[in-house]
Amino acid sequence: MNLNFKNDHIEIHSGEANFVLNPESVVIDGYVMDFPGEFERRGVFVEIRESGSNLLYVVTLEGKTLIYLPEGTTAESLETLRDLNNKDMVIFPASESLWKTVETWEASVVVPFGAKAAEFLAKLGQTVEKSDTASVKASDFESEVTRFIALG
């Protein structure tokens, strides 16, 4: 799975599925999902949950659960995701207030994004180079150690 950060959105390329995560939608092959509900496209299952004025995205692909929290997500809105058992990868705007909840999820891959991503990870004691692209392998999900990726 390859992650690309450009123009304030995240592109993910995985197998035959290529999709874009935006603050307002998930787009798979031109198909826009921008309101609460459950969707399936090209082997990717997308669940969009609403919390206040925020949309939170739960994407399942390759048997892994990816959670995308767009810019503007508050720590209070994460209560909407409490019932999820698997949180394999979390992509969220670099924010200490969000991190306090996200760290309890024990995700295998943690991806803060935005201008302050590298600075944020440095505060956590993680020495990760910031990049606009990253690859995530199956072994990253099987490791006992959380992998941190700074996008932005």
C-alpha atoms as a PDB file:
ATOM      1  CA  MET A   1       0.000   0.000   0.000  1.00  0.00           C
ATOM      2  CA  ASN A   2       1.426   3.371  -1.014  1.00  0.00           C
ATOM      3  CA  LEU A   3       0.458   6.668   0.598  1.00  0.00           C
ATOM      4  CA  ASN A   4       0.898  10.059  -1.106  1.00  0.00           C
ATOM      5  CA  PHE A   5       0.180  13.447   0.432  1.00  0.00           C
ATOM      6  CA  LYS A   6      -0.509  16.217  -2.060  1.00  0.00           C
ATOM      7  CA  ASN A   7      -2.726  19.277  -2.259  1.00  0.00           C
ATOM      8  CA  ASP A   8      -4.016  18.672   1.286  1.00  0.00           C
ATOM      9  CA  HIS A   9      -5.393  15.232   0.489  1.00  0.00           C
ATOM     10  CA  ILE A  10      -4.076  11.699   0.817  1.00  0.00           C
ATOM     11  CA  GLU A  11      -3.924   9.267  -2.089  1.00  0.00           C
ATOM     12  CA  ILE A  12      -3.714   5.553  -1.385  1.00  0.00           C
ATOM     13  CA  HIS A  13      -2.728   2.961  -3.987  1.00  0.00           C
ATOM     14  CA  SER A  14      -3.390  -0.616  -2.963  1.00  0.00           C
ATOM     15  CA  GLY A  15      -3.655  -3.507  -5.385  1.00  0.00           C
ATOM     16  CA  GLU A  16      -6.281  -2.567  -7.934  1.00  0.00           C
ATOM     17  CA  ALA A  17      -7.821   0.165  -5.776  1.00  0.00           C
ATOM     18  CA  ASN A  18      -6.683   3.768  -5.965  1.00  0.00           C
ATOM     19  CA  PHE A  19      -8.504   6.233  -3.788  1.00  0.00           C
ATOM     20  CA  VAL A  20      -8.310   9.731  -2.374  1.00  0.00           C
ATOM     21  CA  LEU A  21      -9.096  10.806   1.185  1.00  0.00           C
ATOM     22  CA  ASN A  22     -10.293  14.413   1.449  1.00  0.00           C
ATOM     23  CA  PRO A  23     -11.724  16.278   4.442  1.00  0.00           C
ATOM     24  CA  GLU A  24     -15.109  16.203   2.678  1.00  0.00           C
ATOM     25  CA  SER A  25     -15.089  12.817   0.905  1.00  0.00           C
ATOM     26  CA  VAL A  26     -13.500   9.570  -0.177  1.00  0.00           C
ATOM     27  CA  VAL A  27     -13.123   9.167  -3.939  1.00  0.00           C
ATOM     28  CA  ILE A  28     -12.514   5.803  -5.616  1.00  0.00           C
ATOM     29  CA  ASP A  29     -12.127   5.862  -9.398  1.00  0.00           C
ATOM     30  CA  GLY A  30     -14.186   9.052  -9.674  1.00  0.00           C
ATOM     31  CA  TYR A  31     -16.967   7.723  -7.399  1.00  0.00           C
ATOM     32  CA  VAL A  32     -17.450  10.302  -4.626  1.00  0.00           C
ATOM     33  CA  MET A  33     -18.619   9.228  -1.165  1.00  0.00           C
ATOM     34  CA  ASP A  34     -19.377  12.365   0.811  1.00  0.00           C
ATOM     35  CA  PHE A  35     -22.216  11.617   3.223  1.00  0.00           C
ATOM     36  CA  PRO A  36     -22.718   9.186   6.133  1.00  0.00           C
ATOM     37  CA  GLY A  37     -23.312   5.590   5.151  1.00  0.00           C
ATOM     38  CA  GLU A  38     -21.637   2.396   3.971  1.00  0.00           C
ATOM     39  CA  PHE A  39     -20.139   2.034   0.512  1.00  0.00           C
ATOM     40  CA  GLU A  40     -18.173  -0.595  -1.428  1.00  0.00           C
ATOM     41  CA  ARG A  41     -16.119   0.067  -4.512  1.00  0.00           C
ATOM     42  CA  ARG A  42     -13.379  -2.017  -6.171  1.00  0.00           C
ATOM     43  CA  GLY A  43     -12.939  -4.221  -3.105  1.00  0.00           C
ATOM     44  CA  VAL A  44     -12.683  -1.289  -0.713  1.00  0.00           C
ATOM     45  CA  PHE A  45     -15.350  -0.973   1.986  1.00  0.00           C
ATOM     46  CA  VAL A  46     -15.930   2.607   3.219  1.00  0.00           C
ATOM     47  CA  GLU A  47     -17.999   3.592   6.220  1.00  0.00           C
ATOM     48  CA  ILE A  48     -18.559   7.296   6.802  1.00  0.00           C
ATOM     49  CA  ARG A  49     -19.705   8.343  10.249  1.00  0.00           C
ATOM     50  CA  GLU A  50     -20.912  11.767  11.259  1.00  0.00           C
ATOM     51  CA  SER A  51     -19.967  13.401  14.522  1.00  0.00           C
ATOM     52  CA  GLY A  52     -21.273  16.937  14.887  1.00  0.00           C
ATOM     53  CA  SER A  53     -20.109  18.773  11.795  1.00  0.00           C
ATOM     54  CA  ASN A  54     -17.285  16.276  11.137  1.00  0.00           C
ATOM     55  CA  LEU A  55     -17.223  13.227   8.890  1.00  0.00           C
ATOM     56  CA  LEU A  56     -14.986  10.374  10.065  1.00  0.00           C
ATOM     57  CA  TYR A  57     -13.902   7.658   7.651  1.00  0.00           C
ATOM     58  CA  VAL A  58     -13.402   3.939   8.284  1.00  0.00           C
ATOM     59  CA  VAL A  59     -11.875   2.181   5.278  1.00  0.00           C
ATOM     60  CA  THR A  60     -11.366  -1.577   5.084  1.00  0.00           C
ATOM     61  CA  LEU A  61      -8.983  -2.929   2.463  1.00  0.00           C
ATOM     62  CA  GLU A  62      -6.714  -5.950   2.299  1.00  0.00           C
ATOM     63  CA  GLY A  63      -8.339  -7.134   5.538  1.00  0.00           C
ATOM     64  CA  LYS A  64      -7.060  -4.066   7.438  1.00  0.00           C
ATOM     65  CA  THR A  65      -9.022  -1.223   8.994  1.00  0.00           C
ATOM     66  CA  LEU A  66      -7.794   2.256   8.200  1.00  0.00           C
ATOM     67  CA  ILE A  67      -9.252   5.245  10.027  1.00  0.00           C
ATOM     68  CA  TYR A  68      -8.988   8.671   8.439  1.00  0.00           C
ATOM     69  CA  LEU A  69      -9.619  11.695  10.619  1.00  0.00           C
ATOM     70  CA  PRO A  70      -9.671  14.857   8.498  1.00  0.00           C
ATOM     71  CA  GLU A  71      -8.468  18.304   9.495  1.00  0.00           C
ATOM     72  CA  GLY A  72     -10.939  19.796  11.977  1.00  0.00           C
ATOM     73  CA  THR A  73     -11.604  16.519  13.821  1.00  0.00           C
ATOM     74  CA  THR A  74     -11.885  17.063  17.568  1.00  0.00           C
ATOM     75  CA  ALA A  75     -11.040  14.649  20.359  1.00  0.00           C
ATOM     76  CA  GLU A  76     -14.718  14.652  21.375  1.00  0.00           C
ATOM     77  CA  SER A  77     -15.801  13.459  17.937  1.00  0.00           C
ATOM     78  CA  LEU A  78     -13.681  10.294  18.311  1.00  0.00           C
ATOM     79  CA  GLU A  79     -16.331   8.893  20.644  1.00  0.00           C
ATOM     80  CA  THR A  80     -18.192   7.975  17.430  1.00  0.00           C
ATOM     81  CA  LEU A  81     -15.483   5.354  16.721  1.00  0.00           C
ATOM     82  CA  ARG A  82     -15.468   3.747  20.165  1.00  0.00           C
ATOM     83  CA  ASP A  83     -17.232   0.569  18.969  1.00  0.00           C
ATOM     84  CA  LEU A  84     -14.525  -0.321  16.403  1.00  0.00           C
ATOM     85  CA  ASN A  85     -12.408  -3.261  17.509  1.00  0.00           C
ATOM     86  CA  ASN A  86      -9.717  -3.112  14.826  1.00  0.00           C
ATOM     87  CA  LYS A  87      -7.846   0.081  14.181  1.00  0.00           C
ATOM     88  CA  ASP A  88      -4.878  -1.112  12.143  1.00  0.00           C
ATOM     89  CA  MET A  89      -3.884   2.266  10.676  1.00  0.00           C
ATOM     90  CA  VAL A  90      -4.849   5.759  11.793  1.00  0.00           C
ATOM     91  CA  ILE A  91      -4.301   8.818   9.599  1.00  0.00           C
ATOM     92  CA  PHE A  92      -4.942  12.073  11.449  1.00  0.00           C
ATOM     93  CA  PRO A  93      -3.916  15.740  11.510  1.00  0.00           C
ATOM     94  CA  ALA A  94      -0.882  16.201  13.774  1.00  0.00           C
ATOM     95  CA  SER A  95      -2.513  17.287  17.027  1.00  0.00           C
ATOM     96  CA  GLU A  96      -1.721  16.561  20.662  1.00  0.00           C
ATOM     97  CA  SER A  97      -5.400  16.595  21.643  1.00  0.00           C
ATOM     98  CA  LEU A  98      -6.234  13.889  19.071  1.00  0.00           C
ATOM     99  CA  TRP A  99      -3.130  11.900  19.979  1.00  0.00           C
ATOM    100  CA  LYS A 100      -4.320  11.371  23.569  1.00  0.00           C
ATOM    101  CA  THR A 101      -7.194   9.252  22.236  1.00  0.00           C
ATOM    102  CA  VAL A 102      -5.427   7.766  19.206  1.00  0.00           C
ATOM    103  CA  GLU A 103      -2.584   6.371  21.329  1.00  0.00           C
ATOM    104  CA  THR A 104      -5.042   4.261  23.339  1.00  0.00           C
ATOM    105  CA  TRP A 105      -6.107   2.529  20.104  1.00  0.00           C
ATOM    106  CA  GLU A 106      -2.757   0.727  19.769  1.00  0.00           C
ATOM    107  CA  ALA A 107      -2.758   0.964  15.978  1.00  0.00           C
ATOM    108  CA  SER A 108      -0.018  -0.829  14.045  1.00  0.00           C
ATOM    109  CA  VAL A 109       0.612   2.169  11.771  1.00  0.00           C
ATOM    110  CA  VAL A 110       0.148   5.782  12.891  1.00  0.00           C
ATOM    111  CA  VAL A 111       0.240   8.515  10.242  1.00  0.00           C
ATOM    112  CA  PRO A 112       0.016  12.114  11.409  1.00  0.00           C
ATOM    113  CA  PHE A 113      -0.121  14.531   8.482  1.00  0.00           C
ATOM    114  CA  GLY A 114       0.247  18.231   7.826  1.00  0.00           C
ATOM    115  CA  ALA A 115       2.823  20.934   8.321  1.00  0.00           C
ATOM    116  CA  LYS A 116       3.516  19.996  11.948  1.00  0.00           C
ATOM    117  CA  ALA A 117       3.699  16.198  11.526  1.00  0.00           C
ATOM    118  CA  ALA A 118       7.484  15.879  12.000  1.00  0.00           C
ATOM    119  CA  GLU A 119       7.490  18.330  14.916  1.00  0.00           C
ATOM    120  CA  PHE A 120       4.626  16.421  16.519  1.00  0.00           C
ATOM    121  CA  LEU A 121       6.425  13.064  16.246  1.00  0.00           C
ATOM    122  CA  ALA A 122       9.626  14.609  17.628  1.00  0.00           C
ATOM    123  CA  LYS A 123       7.659  15.598  20.758  1.00  0.00           C
ATOM    124  CA  LEU A 124       6.636  11.939  21.064  1.00  0.00           C
ATOM    125  CA  GLY A 125      10.277  10.869  20.836  1.00  0.00           C
ATOM    126  CA  GLN A 126       9.876   9.396  17.358  1.00  0.00           C
ATOM    127  CA  THR A 127      12.590  10.223  14.850  1.00  0.00           C
ATOM    128  CA  VAL A 128      10.738   9.970  11.588  1.00  0.00           C
ATOM    129  CA  GLU A 129      11.593  11.900   8.463  1.00  0.00           C
ATOM    130  CA  LYS A 130       8.689  13.802   6.969  1.00  0.00           C
ATOM    131  CA  SER A 131       7.823  12.796   3.421  1.00  0.00           C
ATOM    132  CA  ASP A 132       5.054  13.231   0.867  1.00  0.00           C
ATOM    133  CA  THR A 133       5.112   9.489   0.092  1.00  0.00           C
ATOM    134  CA  ALA A 134       5.360   6.276   2.084  1.00  0.00           C
ATOM    135  CA  SER A 135       4.912   2.532   1.604  1.00  0.00           C
ATOM    136  CA  VAL A 136       3.196   0.318   4.126  1.00  0.00           C
ATOM    137  CA  LYS A 137       3.877  -3.413   3.975  1.00  0.00           C
ATOM    138  CA  ALA A 138       1.956  -6.346   5.441  1.00  0.00           C
ATOM    139  CA  SER A 139       4.768  -6.854   7.955  1.00  0.00           C
ATOM    140  CA  ASP A 140       4.081  -3.371   9.397  1.00  0.00           C
ATOM    141  CA  PHE A 141       0.698  -4.640  10.577  1.00  0.00           C
ATOM    142  CA  GLU A 142       2.164  -7.797  12.113  1.00  0.00           C
ATOM    143  CA  SER A 143       4.929  -6.103  14.110  1.00  0.00           C
ATOM    144  CA  GLU A 144       4.689  -5.638  17.866  1.00  0.00           C
ATOM    145  CA  VAL A 145       6.105  -2.119  17.412  1.00  0.00           C
ATOM    146  CA  THR A 146       3.985   0.749  16.073  1.00  0.00           C
ATOM    147  CA  ARG A 147       5.275   2.226  12.834  1.00  0.00           C
ATOM    148  CA  PHE A 148       5.081   6.020  12.622  1.00  0.00           C
ATOM    149  CA  ILE A 149       4.935   7.826   9.267  1.00  0.00           C
ATOM    150  CA  ALA A 150       4.956  11.628   8.946  1.00  0.00           C
ATOM    151  CA  LEU A 151       3.121  12.797   5.817  1.00  0.00           C
ATOM    152  CA  GLY A 152       3.048  16.364   4.675  1.00  0.00           C
END
